Amino acid sequence: MYTSQIRHHDRHSRAKAAVWTDHAFDHHPRFAEVAMALLPASLILATATALLVALV
């Protein structure tokens, strides 16, 4: 691949690159949001633990 082709593809891919805005990272989650996000994982872990204890 020639240098001019590489530059063309590089410029083309940068034009289509996703743009991240700063306000997407400024959000501070509240405790309730974090707790609700962890609820399914904790239920799965509790179920797996109960099944392992039942097998022993």
N, C-alpha and C. Protein backbone atom coordinates (compact mmCIF):
# COMPACT_ATOMS: atom_id res chain seq x y z
N MET A 1 0.85 -1.17 0.00
CA MET A 1 0.00 0.00 0.00
C MET A 1 0.89 1.24 0.00
N TYR A 2 0.56 2.17 -0.85
CA TYR A 2 1.36 3.38 -0.95
C TYR A 2 1.01 4.36 0.16
N THR A 3 1.90 5.29 0.41
CA THR A 3 1.70 6.27 1.47
C THR A 3 0.47 7.12 1.21
N SER A 4 0.22 7.47 -0.02
CA SER A 4 -0.96 8.28 -0.34
C SER A 4 -2.25 7.51 -0.04
N GLN A 5 -2.26 6.21 -0.28
CA GLN A 5 -3.43 5.40 0.02
C GLN A 5 -3.64 5.29 1.52
N ILE A 6 -2.55 5.16 2.26
CA ILE A 6 -2.65 5.09 3.72
C ILE A 6 -3.22 6.39 4.26
N ARG A 7 -2.73 7.52 3.75
CA ARG A 7 -3.25 8.81 4.21
C ARG A 7 -4.73 8.95 3.89
N HIS A 8 -5.12 8.51 2.71
CA HIS A 8 -6.53 8.59 2.31
C HIS A 8 -7.41 7.78 3.26
N HIS A 9 -7.00 6.55 3.54
CA HIS A 9 -7.80 5.69 4.43
C HIS A 9 -7.80 6.24 5.86
N ASP A 10 -6.68 6.80 6.27
CA ASP A 10 -6.59 7.36 7.61
C ASP A 10 -7.53 8.55 7.75
N ARG A 11 -7.50 9.44 6.78
CA ARG A 11 -8.39 10.61 6.82
C ARG A 11 -9.85 10.18 6.76
N HIS A 12 -10.15 9.19 5.94
CA HIS A 12 -11.52 8.71 5.79
C HIS A 12 -12.02 8.09 7.09
N SER A 13 -11.17 7.31 7.77
CA SER A 13 -11.61 6.68 9.01
C SER A 13 -11.76 7.70 10.14
N ARG A 14 -10.93 8.72 10.16
CA ARG A 14 -11.07 9.75 11.18
C ARG A 14 -12.33 10.56 11.00
N ALA A 15 -12.78 10.70 9.77
CA ALA A 15 -14.01 11.45 9.52
C ALA A 15 -15.22 10.69 10.05
N LYS A 16 -15.13 9.36 10.09
CA LYS A 16 -16.25 8.55 10.56
C LYS A 16 -16.11 8.15 12.03
N ALA A 17 -15.07 8.57 12.69
CA ALA A 17 -14.83 8.16 14.07
C ALA A 17 -15.91 8.73 14.99
N ALA A 18 -16.21 7.99 16.03
CA ALA A 18 -17.20 8.43 17.01
C ALA A 18 -16.65 9.60 17.82
N VAL A 19 -17.52 10.53 18.13
CA VAL A 19 -17.12 11.68 18.91
C VAL A 19 -17.74 11.55 20.29
N TRP A 20 -16.90 11.58 21.32
CA TRP A 20 -17.37 11.48 22.69
C TRP A 20 -17.50 12.88 23.27
N THR A 21 -18.64 13.14 23.84
CA THR A 21 -18.85 14.45 24.46
C THR A 21 -18.48 14.38 25.93
N ASP A 22 -18.12 15.52 26.49
CA ASP A 22 -17.70 15.56 27.88
C ASP A 22 -18.84 15.30 28.86
N HIS A 23 -20.06 15.69 28.49
CA HIS A 23 -21.17 15.54 29.43
C HIS A 23 -21.53 14.07 29.66
N ALA A 24 -21.08 13.18 28.80
CA ALA A 24 -21.34 11.75 29.00
C ALA A 24 -20.52 11.20 30.17
N PHE A 25 -19.38 11.82 30.47
CA PHE A 25 -18.51 11.34 31.53
C PHE A 25 -18.69 12.11 32.83
N ASP A 26 -19.46 13.18 32.82
CA ASP A 26 -19.63 14.01 34.01
C ASP A 26 -20.69 13.47 34.97
N HIS A 27 -21.43 12.48 34.55
CA HIS A 27 -22.52 11.95 35.36
C HIS A 27 -21.96 11.13 36.52
N HIS A 28 -22.33 11.47 37.74
CA HIS A 28 -21.93 10.71 38.91
C HIS A 28 -23.11 9.86 39.35
N PRO A 29 -22.98 8.54 39.27
CA PRO A 29 -24.13 7.68 39.62
C PRO A 29 -24.44 7.76 41.11
N ARG A 30 -25.70 7.73 41.39
CA ARG A 30 -26.14 7.71 42.78
C ARG A 30 -26.07 6.29 43.32
N PHE A 31 -26.15 6.17 44.64
CA PHE A 31 -26.05 4.85 45.27
C PHE A 31 -27.15 3.92 44.78
N ALA A 32 -28.34 4.44 44.60
CA ALA A 32 -29.47 3.60 44.16
C ALA A 32 -29.21 3.02 42.77
N GLU A 33 -28.62 3.82 41.87
CA GLU A 33 -28.34 3.32 40.53
C GLU A 33 -27.28 2.22 40.57
N VAL A 34 -26.27 2.40 41.40
CA VAL A 34 -25.23 1.38 41.52
C VAL A 34 -25.79 0.11 42.14
N ALA A 35 -26.63 0.25 43.16
CA ALA A 35 -27.22 -0.91 43.81
C ALA A 35 -28.12 -1.68 42.85
N MET A 36 -28.89 -0.98 42.05
CA MET A 36 -29.77 -1.65 41.10
C MET A 36 -28.96 -2.34 39.99
N ALA A 37 -27.81 -1.79 39.65
CA ALA A 37 -26.96 -2.43 38.63
C ALA A 37 -26.31 -3.69 39.18
N LEU A 38 -26.02 -3.72 40.48
CA LEU A 38 -25.36 -4.88 41.08
C LEU A 38 -26.35 -5.96 41.53
N LEU A 39 -27.62 -5.65 41.56
CA LEU A 39 -28.62 -6.61 42.03
C LEU A 39 -28.66 -7.90 41.22
N PRO A 40 -28.72 -7.86 39.90
CA PRO A 40 -28.75 -9.13 39.15
C PRO A 40 -27.50 -9.98 39.37
N ALA A 41 -26.34 -9.34 39.42
CA ALA A 41 -25.11 -10.11 39.63
C ALA A 41 -25.09 -10.76 41.00
N SER A 42 -25.56 -10.04 42.00
CA SER A 42 -25.56 -10.62 43.34
C SER A 42 -26.56 -11.77 43.45
N LEU A 43 -27.69 -11.68 42.75
CA LEU A 43 -28.64 -12.78 42.75
C LEU A 43 -28.07 -14.03 42.06
N ILE A 44 -27.35 -13.81 40.98
CA ILE A 44 -26.73 -14.94 40.27
C ILE A 44 -25.67 -15.60 41.16
N LEU A 45 -24.85 -14.79 41.82
CA LEU A 45 -23.83 -15.34 42.71
C LEU A 45 -24.46 -16.07 43.90
N ALA A 46 -25.54 -15.54 44.44
CA ALA A 46 -26.21 -16.21 45.55
C ALA A 46 -26.79 -17.55 45.12
N THR A 47 -27.37 -17.59 43.94
CA THR A 47 -27.93 -18.84 43.42
C THR A 47 -26.83 -19.87 43.18
N ALA A 48 -25.72 -19.45 42.60
CA ALA A 48 -24.61 -20.37 42.35
C ALA A 48 -24.04 -20.89 43.66
N THR A 49 -23.93 -20.03 44.65
CA THR A 49 -23.42 -20.45 45.96
C THR A 49 -24.36 -21.47 46.60
N ALA A 50 -25.66 -21.21 46.52
CA ALA A 50 -26.64 -22.14 47.09
C ALA A 50 -26.58 -23.50 46.41
N LEU A 51 -26.42 -23.50 45.10
CA LEU A 51 -26.32 -24.77 44.38
C LEU A 51 -25.05 -25.53 44.74
N LEU A 52 -23.94 -24.82 44.90
CA LEU A 52 -22.71 -25.48 45.29
C LEU A 52 -22.81 -26.05 46.70
N VAL A 53 -23.44 -25.32 47.60
CA VAL A 53 -23.60 -25.81 48.97
C VAL A 53 -24.52 -27.03 48.99
N ALA A 54 -25.54 -27.03 48.14
CA ALA A 54 -26.47 -28.16 48.09
C ALA A 54 -25.79 -29.41 47.54
N LEU A 55 -24.81 -29.25 46.67
CA LEU A 55 -24.10 -30.39 46.10
C LEU A 55 -23.14 -31.03 47.09
N VAL A 56 -22.67 -30.25 48.04
CA VAL A 56 -21.68 -30.76 49.01
C VAL A 56 -22.36 -31.41 50.12
